């Protein structure tokens, strides 16, 4: 297998790792209750998704 002849500099290593960050979530308002919610997910407060009730009431 091929092996590197020289070590990578700290700068080059850090530039490569610059995309390792955690991406922020896309938060939108629920169309039914207005609570903040992650997009393309069922609302945890009211149970609606895309204007339709998809989850029952919490027990």
N, C-alpha and C. Protein backbone atom coordinates (compact mmCIF):
# COMPACT_ATOMS: atom_id res chain seq x y z
N UNK A 1 0.83 -1.19 0.00
CA UNK A 1 0.00 0.00 0.00
C UNK A 1 0.87 1.24 0.00
N UNK A 2 0.34 2.31 -0.56
CA UNK A 2 1.07 3.57 -0.60
C UNK A 2 1.07 4.22 0.77
N UNK A 3 2.22 4.79 1.13
CA UNK A 3 2.36 5.51 2.39
C UNK A 3 2.86 6.92 2.09
N UNK A 4 2.47 7.89 2.92
CA UNK A 4 2.93 9.25 2.67
C UNK A 4 4.43 9.38 2.91
N UNK A 5 5.12 10.13 2.04
CA UNK A 5 6.55 10.36 2.21
C UNK A 5 6.82 11.39 3.29
N UNK A 6 5.96 12.40 3.39
CA UNK A 6 6.13 13.47 4.37
C UNK A 6 4.85 13.62 5.18
N UNK A 7 5.00 14.11 6.39
CA UNK A 7 3.82 14.33 7.22
C UNK A 7 3.08 15.58 6.73
N UNK A 8 1.75 15.59 6.93
CA UNK A 8 0.97 16.76 6.59
C UNK A 8 1.15 17.81 7.67
N UNK A 9 1.22 19.07 7.27
CA UNK A 9 1.36 20.16 8.23
C UNK A 9 0.09 20.30 9.06
N UNK A 10 0.21 20.98 10.21
CA UNK A 10 -0.95 21.21 11.06
C UNK A 10 -2.00 22.04 10.32
N UNK A 11 -1.54 22.99 9.52
CA UNK A 11 -2.46 23.84 8.77
C UNK A 11 -3.26 23.01 7.77
N UNK A 12 -2.60 22.13 7.06
CA UNK A 12 -3.28 21.30 6.06
C UNK A 12 -4.26 20.34 6.73
N UNK A 13 -3.86 19.78 7.87
CA UNK A 13 -4.74 18.88 8.61
C UNK A 13 -5.98 19.63 9.09
N UNK A 14 -5.77 20.85 9.64
CA UNK A 14 -6.90 21.63 10.14
C UNK A 14 -7.82 22.08 9.01
N UNK A 15 -7.26 22.39 7.85
CA UNK A 15 -8.10 22.77 6.71
C UNK A 15 -8.97 21.60 6.26
N UNK A 16 -8.42 20.40 6.31
CA UNK A 16 -9.19 19.22 5.94
C UNK A 16 -10.32 18.99 6.94
N UNK A 17 -10.05 19.24 8.22
CA UNK A 17 -11.03 18.99 9.26
C UNK A 17 -12.04 20.13 9.42
N UNK A 18 -11.91 21.19 8.66
CA UNK A 18 -12.78 22.34 8.85
C UNK A 18 -14.24 22.03 8.54
N UNK A 19 -14.53 20.97 7.79
CA UNK A 19 -15.89 20.60 7.45
C UNK A 19 -16.48 19.57 8.40
N UNK A 20 -15.78 19.25 9.48
CA UNK A 20 -16.27 18.27 10.44
C UNK A 20 -17.32 18.85 11.38
N UNK A 21 -17.58 20.15 11.31
CA UNK A 21 -18.46 20.80 12.28
C UNK A 21 -19.88 20.23 12.20
N UNK A 22 -20.60 20.39 13.28
CA UNK A 22 -21.99 19.96 13.34
C UNK A 22 -22.85 21.02 12.65
N UNK A 23 -23.65 20.60 11.72
CA UNK A 23 -24.52 21.52 11.00
C UNK A 23 -25.71 21.88 11.89
N UNK A 24 -26.20 23.11 11.80
CA UNK A 24 -27.35 23.51 12.60
C UNK A 24 -28.63 22.97 11.96
N UNK A 25 -29.62 22.70 12.81
CA UNK A 25 -30.88 22.16 12.33
C UNK A 25 -31.76 23.26 11.76
N UNK A 26 -32.57 22.92 10.77
CA UNK A 26 -33.49 23.88 10.16
C UNK A 26 -34.78 23.89 10.98
N UNK A 27 -34.96 24.96 11.77
CA UNK A 27 -36.13 25.07 12.64
C UNK A 27 -37.16 25.98 11.99
N UNK A 28 -38.41 25.51 11.94
CA UNK A 28 -39.52 26.27 11.37
C UNK A 28 -40.68 26.26 12.37
N UNK A 29 -41.65 27.15 12.16
CA UNK A 29 -42.84 27.16 13.01
C UNK A 29 -43.82 26.10 12.52
N UNK A 30 -44.47 25.45 13.48
CA UNK A 30 -45.52 24.48 13.14
C UNK A 30 -46.69 25.24 12.53
N UNK A 31 -47.24 24.73 11.43
CA UNK A 31 -48.35 25.42 10.76
C UNK A 31 -49.64 25.34 11.56
N UNK A 32 -49.73 24.38 12.51
CA UNK A 32 -50.96 24.22 13.29
C UNK A 32 -50.91 25.01 14.60
N UNK A 33 -49.83 24.81 15.40
CA UNK A 33 -49.79 25.42 16.74
C UNK A 33 -48.77 26.55 16.86
N UNK A 34 -47.86 26.68 15.90
CA UNK A 34 -46.89 27.76 15.92
C UNK A 34 -45.64 27.50 16.74
N UNK A 35 -45.50 26.30 17.30
CA UNK A 35 -44.31 25.97 18.08
C UNK A 35 -43.11 25.76 17.16
N UNK A 36 -41.88 26.08 17.61
CA UNK A 36 -40.70 25.79 16.80
C UNK A 36 -40.54 24.28 16.63
N UNK A 37 -40.18 23.87 15.44
CA UNK A 37 -40.15 22.45 15.10
C UNK A 37 -39.08 22.22 14.04
N UNK A 38 -38.43 21.05 14.04
CA UNK A 38 -37.48 20.70 13.00
C UNK A 38 -38.27 20.40 11.73
N UNK A 39 -37.84 20.96 10.59
CA UNK A 39 -38.61 20.78 9.36
C UNK A 39 -38.64 19.32 8.93
N UNK A 40 -39.71 18.93 8.28
CA UNK A 40 -39.97 17.57 7.79
C UNK A 40 -40.07 16.56 8.93
N UNK A 41 -40.52 17.01 10.11
CA UNK A 41 -40.75 16.13 11.25
C UNK A 41 -42.14 16.42 11.82
N UNK A 42 -42.72 15.43 12.48
CA UNK A 42 -44.01 15.61 13.13
C UNK A 42 -43.80 16.56 14.31
N UNK A 43 -44.74 17.48 14.51
CA UNK A 43 -44.66 18.41 15.64
C UNK A 43 -44.81 17.63 16.93
N UNK A 44 -43.88 17.84 17.86
CA UNK A 44 -43.92 17.10 19.12
C UNK A 44 -45.00 17.64 20.06
N UNK A 45 -45.48 18.86 19.82
CA UNK A 45 -46.49 19.46 20.70
C UNK A 45 -47.91 19.03 20.31
N UNK A 46 -48.25 19.15 19.03
CA UNK A 46 -49.64 18.89 18.62
C UNK A 46 -49.80 17.61 17.81
N UNK A 47 -48.71 17.04 17.28
CA UNK A 47 -48.82 15.79 16.52
C UNK A 47 -49.24 15.97 15.08
N UNK A 48 -49.16 17.19 14.54
CA UNK A 48 -49.55 17.44 13.15
C UNK A 48 -48.32 17.42 12.24
N UNK A 49 -48.53 16.97 11.00
CA UNK A 49 -47.50 17.04 9.96
C UNK A 49 -48.19 17.34 8.65
N UNK A 50 -47.73 18.37 7.97
CA UNK A 50 -48.28 18.77 6.67
C UNK A 50 -49.78 19.05 6.75
N UNK A 51 -50.22 19.64 7.87
CA UNK A 51 -51.62 20.00 8.03
C UNK A 51 -52.54 18.86 8.40
N UNK A 52 -52.01 17.68 8.71
CA UNK A 52 -52.83 16.53 9.06
C UNK A 52 -52.40 15.97 10.41
N UNK A 53 -53.37 15.49 11.19
CA UNK A 53 -53.10 14.86 12.48
C UNK A 53 -52.54 13.46 12.22
N UNK A 54 -51.31 13.20 12.66
CA UNK A 54 -50.70 11.90 12.40
C UNK A 54 -50.34 11.15 13.67
N UNK A 55 -50.34 11.84 14.82
CA UNK A 55 -50.05 11.18 16.09
C UNK A 55 -51.17 11.46 17.07
N UNK A 56 -51.47 10.45 17.93
CA UNK A 56 -52.53 10.62 18.92
C UNK A 56 -52.09 11.51 20.07
N UNK A 57 -53.02 11.75 21.00
CA UNK A 57 -52.74 12.58 22.16
C UNK A 57 -51.77 11.85 23.09
N UNK A 58 -50.97 12.65 23.84
CA UNK A 58 -50.06 12.07 24.82
C UNK A 58 -50.87 11.57 26.02
N UNK A 59 -50.49 10.40 26.52
CA UNK A 59 -51.21 9.82 27.66
C UNK A 59 -50.55 10.17 28.97
